[in-house]
Amino acid sequence: LHPETWVTGPAAGIFEGRLPAGVRLADPDWREPRPVDLLAAARTLPWAVTTDVWTAEPLYLRGSSAEEKAKSAPLASAPDGARAGQAGDGRHPAQHADRPVGGQG
């Protein structure tokens, strides 16, 4: 992030105290995105006048729902504590001669 950049959004507080110098954190009351805020930016900021409003989009600083679920999923349910997709001995399933590979066998 560059100096003079504003950080906002529901999860912005996570970065409080960890942002580079000059990067600003919006007050909690102003972190939720609202259409009126986009309109205000378009009226007051020079770059907003020349930017196609249909391409305006937020920069998300958190993982997707799938990524969040994967982080919180317990690994203990896999055999021998292995990660999903791995054999209990740490080898990839394709490395097991006793298992068919690619649906053959």
PDB file of N, CA and C in Angstrom:
ATOM      1  N   LEU A   1       0.836  -1.185   0.000  1.00  0.00           N
ATOM      2  CA  LEU A   1       0.000   0.000   0.000  1.00  0.00           C
ATOM      3  C   LEU A   1       0.879   1.245   0.000  1.00  0.00           C
ATOM      4  N   HIS A   2       0.415   2.219  -0.706  1.00  0.00           N
ATOM      5  CA  HIS A   2       1.158   3.468  -0.820  1.00  0.00           C
ATOM      6  C   HIS A   2       0.708   4.463   0.245  1.00  0.00           C
ATOM      7  N   PRO A   3       1.596   5.389   0.645  1.00  0.00           N
ATOM      8  CA  PRO A   3       1.178   6.441   1.575  1.00  0.00           C
ATOM      9  C   PRO A   3      -0.044   7.180   1.012  1.00  0.00           C
ATOM     10  N   GLU A   4      -0.865   7.661   1.883  1.00  0.00           N
ATOM     11  CA  GLU A   4      -2.108   8.367   1.556  1.00  0.00           C
ATOM     12  C   GLU A   4      -3.229   7.414   1.136  1.00  0.00           C
ATOM     13  N   THR A   5      -3.000   6.099   1.188  1.00  0.00           N
ATOM     14  CA  THR A   5      -4.051   5.124   0.900  1.00  0.00           C
ATOM     15  C   THR A   5      -4.918   4.956   2.138  1.00  0.00           C
ATOM     16  N   TRP A   6      -6.222   4.840   1.936  1.00  0.00           N
ATOM     17  CA  TRP A   6      -7.151   4.596   3.038  1.00  0.00           C
ATOM     18  C   TRP A   6      -7.501   3.121   3.063  1.00  0.00           C
ATOM     19  N   VAL A   7      -7.478   2.520   4.233  1.00  0.00           N
ATOM     20  CA  VAL A   7      -7.892   1.131   4.417  1.00  0.00           C
ATOM     21  C   VAL A   7      -9.234   1.152   5.123  1.00  0.00           C
ATOM     22  N   THR A   8     -10.203   0.458   4.549  1.00  0.00           N
ATOM     23  CA  THR A   8     -11.546   0.444   5.097  1.00  0.00           C
ATOM     24  C   THR A   8     -12.180  -0.915   4.858  1.00  0.00           C
ATOM     25  N   GLY A   9     -13.354  -1.121   5.390  1.00  0.00           N
ATOM     26  CA  GLY A   9     -14.057  -2.385   5.216  1.00  0.00           C
ATOM     27  C   GLY A   9     -14.256  -3.088   6.542  1.00  0.00           C
ATOM     28  N   PRO A  10     -15.110  -4.106   6.557  1.00  0.00           N
ATOM     29  CA  PRO A  10     -15.458  -4.788   7.802  1.00  0.00           C
ATOM     30  C   PRO A  10     -14.267  -5.383   8.555  1.00  0.00           C
ATOM     31  N   ALA A  11     -13.237  -5.820   7.852  1.00  0.00           N
ATOM     32  CA  ALA A  11     -12.092  -6.461   8.512  1.00  0.00           C
ATOM     33  C   ALA A  11     -10.889  -5.533   8.662  1.00  0.00           C
ATOM     34  N   ALA A  12     -11.050  -4.260   8.382  1.00  0.00           N
ATOM     35  CA  ALA A  12      -9.916  -3.335   8.409  1.00  0.00           C
ATOM     36  C   ALA A  12      -9.259  -3.238   9.781  1.00  0.00           C
ATOM     37  N   GLY A  13     -10.023  -3.403  10.844  1.00  0.00           N
ATOM     38  CA  GLY A  13      -9.475  -3.300  12.194  1.00  0.00           C
ATOM     39  C   GLY A  13      -8.384  -4.311  12.485  1.00  0.00           C
ATOM     40  N   ILE A  14      -8.372  -5.414  11.753  1.00  0.00           N
ATOM     41  CA  ILE A  14      -7.333  -6.434  11.935  1.00  0.00           C
ATOM     42  C   ILE A  14      -5.949  -5.843  11.693  1.00  0.00           C
ATOM     43  N   PHE A  15      -5.871  -4.848  10.817  1.00  0.00           N
ATOM     44  CA  PHE A  15      -4.589  -4.286  10.418  1.00  0.00           C
ATOM     45  C   PHE A  15      -4.176  -3.066  11.234  1.00  0.00           C
ATOM     46  N   GLU A  16      -4.976  -2.713  12.227  1.00  0.00           N
ATOM     47  CA  GLU A  16      -4.665  -1.545  13.053  1.00  0.00           C
ATOM     48  C   GLU A  16      -3.306  -1.729  13.717  1.00  0.00           C
ATOM     49  N   GLY A  17      -2.447  -0.743  13.584  1.00  0.00           N
ATOM     50  CA  GLY A  17      -1.115  -0.800  14.176  1.00  0.00           C
ATOM     51  C   GLY A  17      -0.104  -1.556  13.333  1.00  0.00           C
ATOM     52  N   ARG A  18      -0.536  -2.134  12.205  1.00  0.00           N
ATOM     53  CA  ARG A  18       0.382  -2.900  11.365  1.00  0.00           C
ATOM     54  C   ARG A  18       0.484  -2.334   9.955  1.00  0.00           C
ATOM     55  N   LEU A  19      -0.096  -1.176   9.719  1.00  0.00           N
ATOM     56  CA  LEU A  19      -0.075  -0.582   8.390  1.00  0.00           C
ATOM     57  C   LEU A  19       1.199   0.227   8.181  1.00  0.00           C
ATOM     58  N   PRO A  20       1.690   0.299   6.946  1.00  0.00           N
ATOM     59  CA  PRO A  20       2.881   1.099   6.661  1.00  0.00           C
ATOM     60  C   PRO A  20       2.647   2.578   6.978  1.00  0.00           C
ATOM     61  N   ALA A  21       3.724   3.290   7.185  1.00  0.00           N
ATOM     62  CA  ALA A  21       3.642   4.724   7.483  1.00  0.00           C
ATOM     63  C   ALA A  21       2.895   5.445   6.369  1.00  0.00           C
ATOM     64  N   GLY A  22       2.001   6.322   6.753  1.00  0.00           N
ATOM     65  CA  GLY A  22       1.252   7.117   5.796  1.00  0.00           C
ATOM     66  C   GLY A  22      -0.038   6.482   5.325  1.00  0.00           C
ATOM     67  N   VAL A  23      -0.221   5.201   5.584  1.00  0.00           N
ATOM     68  CA  VAL A  23      -1.467   4.530   5.209  1.00  0.00           C
ATOM     69  C   VAL A  23      -2.470   4.762   6.328  1.00  0.00           C
ATOM     70  N   ARG A  24      -3.658   5.174   5.963  1.00  0.00           N
ATOM     71  CA  ARG A  24      -4.657   5.568   6.960  1.00  0.00           C
ATOM     72  C   ARG A  24      -5.733   4.498   7.125  1.00  0.00           C
ATOM     73  N   LEU A  25      -6.157   4.310   8.353  1.00  0.00           N
ATOM     74  CA  LEU A  25      -7.232   3.383   8.675  1.00  0.00           C
ATOM     75  C   LEU A  25      -8.495   4.187   8.951  1.00  0.00           C
ATOM     76  N   ALA A  26      -9.558   3.880   8.237  1.00  0.00           N
ATOM     77  CA  ALA A  26     -10.822   4.600   8.423  1.00  0.00           C
ATOM     78  C   ALA A  26     -11.386   4.332   9.810  1.00  0.00           C
ATOM     79  N   ASP A  27     -12.103   5.312  10.348  1.00  0.00           N
ATOM     80  CA  ASP A  27     -12.777   5.143  11.634  1.00  0.00           C
ATOM     81  C   ASP A  27     -13.781   3.998  11.528  1.00  0.00           C
ATOM     82  N   PRO A  28     -14.009   3.257  12.612  1.00  0.00           N
ATOM     83  CA  PRO A  28     -14.940   2.115  12.576  1.00  0.00           C
ATOM     84  C   PRO A  28     -16.325   2.455  12.024  1.00  0.00           C
ATOM     85  N   ASP A  29     -16.824   3.645  12.305  1.00  0.00           N
ATOM     86  CA  ASP A  29     -18.154   4.033  11.816  1.00  0.00           C
ATOM     87  C   ASP A  29     -18.206   4.196  10.296  1.00  0.00           C
ATOM     88  N   TRP A  30     -17.041   4.282   9.661  1.00  0.00           N
ATOM     89  CA  TRP A  30     -16.977   4.525   8.226  1.00  0.00           C
ATOM     90  C   TRP A  30     -16.416   3.332   7.449  1.00  0.00           C
ATOM     91  N   ARG A  31     -16.324   2.176   8.057  1.00  0.00           N
ATOM     92  CA  ARG A  31     -15.694   1.020   7.396  1.00  0.00           C
ATOM     93  C   ARG A  31     -16.639   0.183   6.545  1.00  0.00           C
ATOM     94  N   GLU A  32     -17.923   0.266   6.802  1.00  0.00           N
ATOM     95  CA  GLU A  32     -18.881  -0.509   6.003  1.00  0.00           C
ATOM     96  C   GLU A  32     -19.127   0.210   4.676  1.00  0.00           C
ATOM     97  N   PRO A  33     -18.993  -0.488   3.552  1.00  0.00           N
ATOM     98  CA  PRO A  33     -19.193   0.166   2.248  1.00  0.00           C
ATOM     99  C   PRO A  33     -20.663   0.520   2.008  1.00  0.00           C
ATOM    100  N   ARG A  34     -20.880   1.705   1.427  1.00  0.00           N
ATOM    101  CA  ARG A  34     -22.229   2.166   1.114  1.00  0.00           C
ATOM    102  C   ARG A  34     -22.212   2.812  -0.270  1.00  0.00           C
ATOM    103  N   PRO A  35     -23.261   2.661  -1.051  1.00  0.00           N
ATOM    104  CA  PRO A  35     -23.305   3.297  -2.376  1.00  0.00           C
ATOM    105  C   PRO A  35     -23.127   4.812  -2.310  1.00  0.00           C
ATOM    106  N   VAL A  36     -23.639   5.438  -1.264  1.00  0.00           N
ATOM    107  CA  VAL A  36     -23.511   6.887  -1.145  1.00  0.00           C
ATOM    108  C   VAL A  36     -22.037   7.303  -1.045  1.00  0.00           C
ATOM    109  N   ASP A  37     -21.196   6.431  -0.501  1.00  0.00           N
ATOM    110  CA  ASP A  37     -19.766   6.738  -0.409  1.00  0.00           C
ATOM    111  C   ASP A  37     -19.113   6.755  -1.791  1.00  0.00           C
ATOM    112  N   LEU A  38     -19.521   5.835  -2.664  1.00  0.00           N
ATOM    113  CA  LEU A  38     -19.007   5.830  -4.029  1.00  0.00           C
ATOM    114  C   LEU A  38     -19.426   7.102  -4.754  1.00  0.00           C
ATOM    115  N   LEU A  39     -20.652   7.528  -4.529  1.00  0.00           N
ATOM    116  CA  LEU A  39     -21.134   8.770  -5.126  1.00  0.00           C
ATOM    117  C   LEU A  39     -20.332   9.964  -4.615  1.00  0.00           C
ATOM    118  N   ALA A  40     -20.072  10.009  -3.314  1.00  0.00           N
ATOM    119  CA  ALA A  40     -19.290  11.113  -2.741  1.00  0.00           C
ATOM    120  C   ALA A  40     -17.880  11.135  -3.326  1.00  0.00           C
ATOM    121  N   ALA A  41     -17.279   9.955  -3.496  1.00  0.00           N
ATOM    122  CA  ALA A  41     -15.939   9.896  -4.092  1.00  0.00           C
ATOM    123  C   ALA A  41     -15.972  10.420  -5.522  1.00  0.00           C
ATOM    124  N   ALA A  42     -16.989  10.042  -6.272  1.00  0.00           N
ATOM    125  CA  ALA A  42     -17.104  10.489  -7.662  1.00  0.00           C
ATOM    126  C   ALA A  42     -17.253  12.003  -7.760  1.00  0.00           C
ATOM    127  N   ARG A  43     -17.857  12.594  -6.757  1.00  0.00           N
ATOM    128  CA  ARG A  43     -18.066  14.046  -6.784  1.00  0.00           C
ATOM    129  C   ARG A  43     -16.848  14.842  -6.332  1.00  0.00           C
ATOM    130  N   THR A  44     -15.964  14.232  -5.554  1.00  0.00           N
ATOM    131  CA  THR A  44     -14.889  15.016  -4.941  1.00  0.00           C
ATOM    132  C   THR A  44     -13.473  14.623  -5.343  1.00  0.00           C
ATOM    133  N   LEU A  45     -13.270  13.435  -5.872  1.00  0.00           N
ATOM    134  CA  LEU A  45     -11.914  12.981  -6.175  1.00  0.00           C
ATOM    135  C   LEU A  45     -11.642  13.030  -7.677  1.00  0.00           C
ATOM    136  N   PRO A  46     -10.537  13.647  -8.086  1.00  0.00           N
ATOM    137  CA  PRO A  46     -10.246  13.798  -9.514  1.00  0.00           C
ATOM    138  C   PRO A  46     -10.208  12.470 -10.275  1.00  0.00           C
ATOM    139  N   TRP A  47      -9.626  11.436  -9.689  1.00  0.00           N
ATOM    140  CA  TRP A  47      -9.539  10.151 -10.389  1.00  0.00           C
ATOM    141  C   TRP A  47     -10.913   9.533 -10.611  1.00  0.00           C
ATOM    142  N   ALA A  48     -11.861   9.856  -9.746  1.00  0.00           N
ATOM    143  CA  ALA A  48     -13.197   9.270  -9.856  1.00  0.00           C
ATOM    144  C   ALA A  48     -13.957   9.809 -11.065  1.00  0.00           C
ATOM    145  N   VAL A  49     -13.617  10.998 -11.498  1.00  0.00           N
ATOM    146  CA  VAL A  49     -14.306  11.600 -12.635  1.00  0.00           C
ATOM    147  C   VAL A  49     -13.923  10.900 -13.935  1.00  0.00           C
ATOM    148  N   THR A  50     -12.689  10.434 -14.026  1.00  0.00           N
ATOM    149  CA  THR A  50     -12.216   9.799 -15.261  1.00  0.00           C
ATOM    150  C   THR A  50     -12.262   8.277 -15.209  1.00  0.00           C
ATOM    151  N   THR A  51     -12.710   7.705 -14.111  1.00  0.00           N
ATOM    152  CA  THR A  51     -12.785   6.253 -13.960  1.00  0.00           C
ATOM    153  C   THR A  51     -14.180   5.767 -14.332  1.00  0.00           C
ATOM    154  N   ASP A  52     -14.241   4.683 -15.081  1.00  0.00           N
ATOM    155  CA  ASP A  52     -15.524   4.082 -15.444  1.00  0.00           C
ATOM    156  C   ASP A  52     -16.173   3.523 -14.180  1.00  0.00           C
ATOM    157  N   VAL A  53     -17.329   4.043 -13.806  1.00  0.00           N
ATOM    158  CA  VAL A  53     -17.974   3.619 -12.556  1.00  0.00           C
ATOM    159  C   VAL A  53     -18.353   2.148 -12.564  1.00  0.00           C
ATOM    160  N   TRP A  54     -18.510   1.565 -13.730  1.00  0.00           N
ATOM    161  CA  TRP A  54     -18.890   0.150 -13.805  1.00  0.00           C
ATOM    162  C   TRP A  54     -17.708  -0.772 -13.520  1.00  0.00           C
ATOM    163  N   THR A  55     -16.501  -0.216 -13.471  1.00  0.00           N
ATOM    164  CA  THR A  55     -15.332  -1.039 -13.140  1.00  0.00           C
ATOM    165  C   THR A  55     -14.873  -0.818 -11.711  1.00  0.00           C
ATOM    166  N   ALA A  56     -15.540   0.053 -10.985  1.00  0.00           N
ATOM    167  CA  ALA A  56     -15.168   0.298  -9.586  1.00  0.00           C
ATOM    168  C   ALA A  56     -15.441  -0.957  -8.776  1.00  0.00           C
ATOM    169  N   GLU A  57     -14.481  -1.347  -7.983  1.00  0.00           N
ATOM    170  CA  GLU A  57     -14.648  -2.536  -7.158  1.00  0.00           C
ATOM    171  C   GLU A  57     -13.769  -2.429  -5.918  1.00  0.00           C
ATOM    172  N   PRO A  58     -14.163  -3.090  -4.855  1.00  0.00           N
ATOM    173  CA  PRO A  58     -13.350  -3.051  -3.632  1.00  0.00           C
ATOM    174  C   PRO A  58     -12.129  -3.950  -3.748  1.00  0.00           C
ATOM    175  N   LEU A  59     -11.128  -3.671  -2.951  1.00  0.00           N
ATOM    176  CA  LEU A  59      -9.951  -4.529  -2.828  1.00  0.00           C
ATOM    177  C   LEU A  59     -10.133  -5.297  -1.530  1.00  0.00           C
ATOM    178  N   TYR A  60     -10.459  -6.570  -1.643  1.00  0.00           N
ATOM    179  CA  TYR A  60     -10.732  -7.371  -0.457  1.00  0.00           C
ATOM    180  C   TYR A  60      -9.430  -7.838   0.180  1.00  0.00           C
ATOM    181  N   LEU A  61      -9.321  -7.652   1.488  1.00  0.00           N
ATOM    182  CA  LEU A  61      -8.110  -8.028   2.210  1.00  0.00           C
ATOM    183  C   LEU A  61      -8.301  -9.288   3.045  1.00  0.00           C
ATOM    184  N   ARG A  62      -9.387  -9.995   2.846  1.00  0.00           N
ATOM    185  CA  ARG A  62      -9.583 -11.243   3.570  1.00  0.00           C
ATOM    186  C   ARG A  62      -9.772 -12.359   2.553  1.00  0.00           C
ATOM    187  N   GLY A  63      -9.596 -13.569   3.009  1.00  0.00           N
ATOM    188  CA  GLY A  63      -9.763 -14.710   2.133  1.00  0.00           C
ATOM    189  C   GLY A  63     -11.220 -14.950   1.783  1.00  0.00           C
ATOM    190  N   SER A  64     -11.423 -15.767   0.778  1.00  0.00           N
ATOM    191  CA  SER A  64     -12.783 -16.134   0.394  1.00  0.00           C
ATOM    192  C   SER A  64     -13.390 -17.025   1.466  1.00  0.00           C
ATOM    193  N   SER A  65     -14.667 -17.260   1.366  1.00  0.00           N
ATOM    194  CA  SER A  65     -15.344 -18.134   2.320  1.00  0.00           C
ATOM    195  C   SER A  65     -14.722 -19.525   2.307  1.00  0.00           C
ATOM    196  N   ALA A  66     -14.394 -20.028   1.126  1.00  0.00           N
ATOM    197  CA  ALA A  66     -13.776 -21.353   1.022  1.00  0.00           C
ATOM    198  C   ALA A  66     -12.410 -21.381   1.708  1.00  0.00           C
ATOM    199  N   GLU A  67     -11.627 -20.310   1.551  1.00  0.00           N
ATOM    200  CA  GLU A  67     -10.317 -20.252   2.208  1.00  0.00           C
ATOM    201  C   GLU A  67     -10.461 -20.203   3.722  1.00  0.00           C
ATOM    202  N   GLU A  68     -11.437 -19.443   4.207  1.00  0.00           N
ATOM    203  CA  GLU A  68     -11.658 -19.361   5.648  1.00  0.00           C
ATOM    204  C   GLU A  68     -12.081 -20.717   6.210  1.00  0.00           C
ATOM    205  N   LYS A  69     -12.948 -21.436   5.491  1.00  0.00           N
ATOM    206  CA  LYS A  69     -13.385 -22.762   5.931  1.00  0.00           C
ATOM    207  C   LYS A  69     -12.222 -23.743   5.937  1.00  0.00           C
ATOM    208  N   ALA A  70     -11.359 -23.666   4.916  1.00  0.00           N
ATOM    209  CA  ALA A  70     -10.221 -24.581   4.837  1.00  0.00           C
ATOM    210  C   ALA A  70      -9.264 -24.367   6.001  1.00  0.00           C
ATOM    211  N   LYS A  71      -9.091 -23.117   6.421  1.00  0.00           N
ATOM    212  CA  LYS A  71      -8.201 -22.825   7.552  1.00  0.00           C
ATOM    213  C   LYS A  71      -8.738 -23.402   8.853  1.00  0.00           C
ATOM    214  N   SER A  72     -10.059 -23.397   8.992  1.00  0.00           N
ATOM    215  CA  SER A  72     -10.641 -23.836  10.255  1.00  0.00           C
ATOM    216  C   SER A  72     -11.016 -25.314  10.259  1.00  0.00           C
ATOM    217  N   ALA A  73     -10.854 -26.003   9.131  1.00  0.00           N
ATOM    218  CA  ALA A  73     -11.211 -27.422   9.061  1.00  0.00           C
ATOM    219  C   ALA A  73     -10.204 -28.245   9.858  1.00  0.00           C
ATOM    220  N   PRO A  74     -10.689 -29.161  10.698  1.00  0.00           N
ATOM    221  CA  PRO A  74      -9.769 -29.997  11.479  1.00  0.00           C
ATOM    222  C   PRO A  74      -9.061 -31.010  10.586  1.00  0.00           C
ATOM    223  N   LEU A  75      -7.771 -31.174  10.802  1.00  0.00           N
ATOM    224  CA  LEU A  75      -6.987 -32.135  10.041  1.00  0.00           C
ATOM    225  C   LEU A  75      -7.013 -33.508  10.690  1.00  0.00           C
ATOM    226  N   ALA A  76      -7.485 -33.608  11.911  1.00  0.00           N
ATOM    227  CA  ALA A  76      -7.464 -34.871  12.645  1.00  0.00           C
ATOM    228  C   ALA A  76      -8.353 -35.923  12.003  1.00  0.00           C
ATOM    229  N   SER A  77      -9.319 -35.529  11.181  1.00  0.00           N
ATOM    230  CA  SER A  77     -10.217 -36.504  10.579  1.00  0.00           C
ATOM    231  C   SER A  77      -9.556 -37.281   9.448  1.00  0.00           C
ATOM    232  N   ALA A  78      -8.438 -36.811   8.925  1.00  0.00           N
ATOM    233  CA  ALA A  78      -7.725 -37.530   7.877  1.00  0.00           C
ATOM    234  C   ALA A  78      -6.957 -38.685   8.508  1.00  0.00           C
ATOM    235  N   PRO A  79      -6.728 -39.785   7.766  1.00  0.00           N
ATOM    236  CA  PRO A  79      -6.017 -40.930   8.339  1.00  0.00           C
ATOM    237  C   PRO A  79      -4.617 -40.559   8.799  1.00  0.00           C
ATOM    238  N   ASP A  80      -4.256 -41.004   9.963  1.00  0.00           N
ATOM    239  CA  ASP A  80      -2.925 -40.770  10.540  1.00  0.00           C
ATOM    240  C   ASP A  80      -2.569 -39.293  10.604  1.00  0.00           C
ATOM    241  N   GLY A  81      -3.564 -38.407  10.678  1.00  0.00           N
ATOM    242  CA  GLY A  81      -3.305 -36.969  10.770  1.00  0.00           C
ATOM    243  C   GLY A  81      -2.851 -36.359   9.464  1.00  0.00           C
ATOM    244  N   ALA A  82      -2.952 -37.111   8.358  1.00  0.00           N
ATOM    245  CA  ALA A  82      -2.514 -36.593   7.061  1.00  0.00           C
ATOM    246  C   ALA A  82      -3.500 -35.554   6.561  1.00  0.00           C
ATOM    247  N   ARG A  83      -3.048 -34.717   5.675  1.00  0.00           N
ATOM    248  CA  ARG A  83      -3.934 -33.743   5.046  1.00  0.00           C
ATOM    249  C   ARG A  83      -4.786 -34.465   4.005  1.00  0.00           C
ATOM    250  N   ALA A  84      -5.912 -33.867   3.696  1.00  0.00           N
ATOM    251  CA  ALA A  84      -6.785 -34.453   2.688  1.00  0.00           C
ATOM    252  C   ALA A  84      -6.024 -34.590   1.374  1.00  0.00           C
ATOM    253  N   GLY A  85      -6.184 -35.722   0.702  1.00  0.00           N
ATOM    254  CA  GLY A  85      -5.497 -35.939  -0.570  1.00  0.00           C
ATOM    255  C   GLY A  85      -4.157 -36.605  -0.404  1.00  0.00           C
ATOM    256  N   GLN A  86      -3.726 -36.884   0.825  1.00  0.00           N
ATOM    257  CA  GLN A  86      -2.447 -37.534   1.061  1.00  0.00           C
ATOM    258  C   GLN A  86      -2.680 -38.876   1.713  1.00  0.00           C
ATOM    259  N   ALA A  87      -1.761 -39.780   1.478  1.00  0.00           N
ATOM    260  CA  ALA A  87      -1.821 -41.070   2.147  1.00  0.00           C
ATOM    261  C   ALA A  87      -1.295 -40.911   3.558  1.00  0.00           C
ATOM    262  N   GLY A  88      -1.610 -41.862   4.409  1.00  0.00           N
ATOM    263  CA  GLY A  88      -1.190 -41.787   5.801  1.00  0.00           C
ATOM    264  C   GLY A  88       0.310 -41.795   5.996  1.00  0.00           C
ATOM    265  N   ASP A  89       1.056 -42.282   4.990  1.00  0.00           N
ATOM    266  CA  ASP A  89       2.510 -42.322   5.133  1.00  0.00           C
ATOM    267  C   ASP A  89       3.183 -41.089   4.542  1.00  0.00           C
ATOM    268  N   GLY A  90       2.402 -40.102   4.128  1.00  0.00           N
ATOM    269  CA  GLY A  90       2.968 -38.854   3.623  1.00  0.00           C
ATOM    270  C   GLY A  90       3.159 -38.834   2.120  1.00  0.00           C
ATOM    271  N   ARG A  91       2.977 -39.985   1.453  1.00  0.00           N
ATOM    272  CA  ARG A  91       3.116 -40.012   0.003  1.00  0.00           C
ATOM    273  C   ARG A  91       1.810 -39.593  -0.652  1.00  0.00           C
ATOM    274  N   HIS A  92       1.915 -39.046  -1.849  1.00  0.00           N
ATOM    275  CA  HIS A  92       0.729 -38.704  -2.627  1.00  0.00           C
ATOM    276  C   HIS A  92       0.027 -40.004  -3.003  1.00  0.00           C
ATOM    277  N   PRO A  93      -1.322 -40.034  -3.073  1.00  0.00           N
ATOM    278  CA  PRO A  93      -2.038 -41.272  -3.396  1.00  0.00           C
ATOM    279  C   PRO A  93      -1.571 -41.926  -4.692  1.00  0.00           C
ATOM    280  N   ALA A  94      -1.120 -41.143  -5.677  1.00  0.00           N
ATOM    281  CA  ALA A  94      -0.661 -41.718  -6.944  1.00  0.00           C
ATOM    282  C   ALA A  94       0.610 -42.539  -6.779  1.00  0.00           C
ATOM    283  N   GLN A  95       1.313 -42.396  -5.658  1.00  0.00           N
ATOM    284  CA  GLN A  95       2.556 -43.125  -5.431  1.00  0.00           C
ATOM    285  C   GLN A  95       2.320 -44.504  -4.828  1.00  0.00           C
ATOM    286  N   HIS A  96       1.091 -44.874  -4.612  1.00  0.00           N
ATOM    287  CA  HIS A  96       0.780 -46.175  -4.026  1.00  0.00           C
ATOM    288  C   HIS A  96       0.495 -47.177  -5.131  1.00  0.00           C
ATOM    289  N   ALA A  97       1.334 -48.203  -5.251  1.00  0.00           N
ATOM    290  CA  ALA A  97       1.182 -49.202  -6.302  1.00  0.00           C
ATOM    291  C   ALA A  97      -0.088 -50.017  -6.128  1.00  0.00           C
ATOM    292  N   ASP A  98      -0.591 -50.129  -4.908  1.00  0.00           N
ATOM    293  CA  ASP A  98      -1.772 -50.946  -4.659  1.00  0.00           C
ATOM    294  C   ASP A  98      -3.079 -50.211  -4.955  1.00  0.00           C
ATOM    295  N   ARG A  99      -2.994 -48.956  -5.384  1.00  0.00           N
ATOM    296  CA  ARG A  99      -4.194 -48.179  -5.689  1.00  0.00           C
ATOM    297  C   ARG A  99      -4.235 -47.877  -7.184  1.00  0.00           C
ATOM    298  N   PRO A 100      -5.398 -48.022  -7.809  1.00  0.00           N
ATOM    299  CA  PRO A 100      -5.490 -47.648  -9.223  1.00  0.00           C
ATOM    300  C   PRO A 100      -5.350 -46.137  -9.377  1.00  0.00           C
ATOM    301  N   VAL A 101      -4.699 -45.721 -10.453  1.00  0.00           N
ATOM    302  CA  VAL A 101      -4.489 -44.305 -10.723  1.00  0.00           C
ATOM    303  C   VAL A 101      -5.313 -43.921 -11.942  1.00  0.00           C
ATOM    304  N   GLY A 102      -5.987 -42.803 -11.867  1.00  0.00           N
ATOM    305  CA  GLY A 102      -6.747 -42.296 -13.005  1.00  0.00           C
ATOM    306  C   GLY A 102      -7.975 -43.112 -13.341  1.00  0.00           C
ATOM    307  N   GLY A 103      -8.516 -43.830 -12.378  1.00  0.00           N
ATOM    308  CA  GLY A 103      -9.740 -44.580 -12.598  1.00  0.00           C
ATOM    309  C   GLY A 103      -9.522 -45.902 -13.311  1.00  0.00           C
ATOM    310  N   GLN A 104      -8.265 -46.301 -13.535  1.00  0.00           N
ATOM    311  CA  GLN A 104      -7.979 -47.570 -14.199  1.00  0.00           C
ATOM    312  C   GLN A 104      -7.719 -48.638 -13.157  1.00  0.00           C
ATOM    313  N   GLY A 105      -8.015 -49.874 -13.500  1.00  0.00           N
ATOM    314  CA  GLY A 105      -7.629 -50.946 -12.608  1.00  0.00           C
ATOM    315  C   GLY A 105      -8.764 -51.718 -12.186  1.00  0.00           C
TER     316      GLY A 105
END
